[in-house]
Protein backbone atom coordinates (compact mmCIF):
# COMPACT_ATOMS: atom_id res chain seq x y z
CA MET A 1 -17.31 -15.77 -24.06
CA ASP A 2 -20.20 -17.10 -22.04
CA LEU A 3 -20.95 -16.31 -18.41
CA GLY A 4 -19.74 -19.68 -17.14
CA GLY A 5 -16.34 -19.27 -18.78
CA TYR A 6 -16.03 -15.75 -17.44
CA LEU A 7 -16.78 -16.88 -13.88
CA LYS A 8 -14.33 -19.79 -14.19
CA GLU A 9 -11.53 -17.48 -15.38
CA THR A 10 -12.36 -14.99 -12.64
CA ARG A 11 -12.06 -17.71 -10.00
CA LEU A 12 -8.68 -18.78 -11.41
CA GLU A 13 -7.43 -15.17 -11.34
CA LEU A 14 -8.57 -14.68 -7.74
CA LYS A 15 -6.58 -17.75 -6.67
CA GLN A 16 -3.42 -16.00 -7.90
CA VAL A 17 -4.04 -12.84 -5.87
CA ASN A 18 -1.67 -12.31 -2.95
CA TRP A 19 -4.18 -11.24 -0.29
CA PRO A 20 -2.93 -9.21 2.71
CA THR A 21 -2.97 -10.75 6.15
CA ARG A 22 -5.38 -9.55 8.84
CA SER A 23 -2.49 -7.76 10.57
CA GLN A 24 -1.51 -5.93 7.38
CA THR A 25 -5.12 -4.94 6.75
CA VAL A 26 -5.50 -3.52 10.28
CA ASN A 27 -2.18 -1.64 10.02
CA PHE A 28 -3.04 -0.14 6.64
CA THR A 29 -6.50 0.84 7.85
CA ILE A 30 -5.03 2.62 10.88
CA LEU A 31 -2.50 4.33 8.61
CA VAL A 32 -5.21 5.58 6.25
CA ILE A 33 -7.39 6.85 9.12
CA GLY A 34 -4.40 8.61 10.70
CA PHE A 35 -3.39 10.19 7.42
CA SER A 36 -6.98 11.32 6.85
CA PHE A 37 -7.05 13.05 10.23
CA LEU A 38 -3.69 14.69 9.48
CA VAL A 39 -4.92 16.03 6.15
CA ALA A 40 -8.17 17.22 7.74
CA ALA A 41 -6.24 19.07 10.46
CA LEU A 42 -3.94 20.64 7.88
CA LEU A 43 -6.85 21.79 5.72
CA GLY A 44 -8.65 23.12 8.81
CA ALA A 45 -5.55 25.09 9.80
CA PHE A 46 -5.20 26.57 6.31
CA ASP A 47 -8.90 27.47 6.32
CA PHE A 48 -8.55 29.19 9.68
CA ILE A 49 -5.49 31.13 8.49
CA PHE A 50 -7.12 32.24 5.24
CA VAL A 51 -10.35 33.29 6.97
CA SER A 52 -8.37 35.25 9.55
CA LEU A 53 -6.35 36.99 6.82
CA LEU A 54 -9.52 37.76 4.88
CA GLU A 55 -11.16 39.27 7.97
CA LEU A 56 -8.07 41.45 8.51
CA ALA A 57 -8.20 42.61 4.90
CA ILE A 58 -11.87 43.52 5.07
C-alpha cells in the first residue's frame, strides 16, 4: 500500500470515531486528576506508616 492510500484510509477511519464532547473531556480530565491525587495520598500514607513501623523496629 502506498502512502496516499494509507492516509486516505486513515481519514475514513477517523470520520467513524465517536469523539467525546468538550464537557465529557473536561469531566474525565477532572476525574483522572482527582483519582491521581487520591492514589498519591494513599501511597503517601502507606509510606508514612511503613517508615514509622521501620523506625520503631530499629
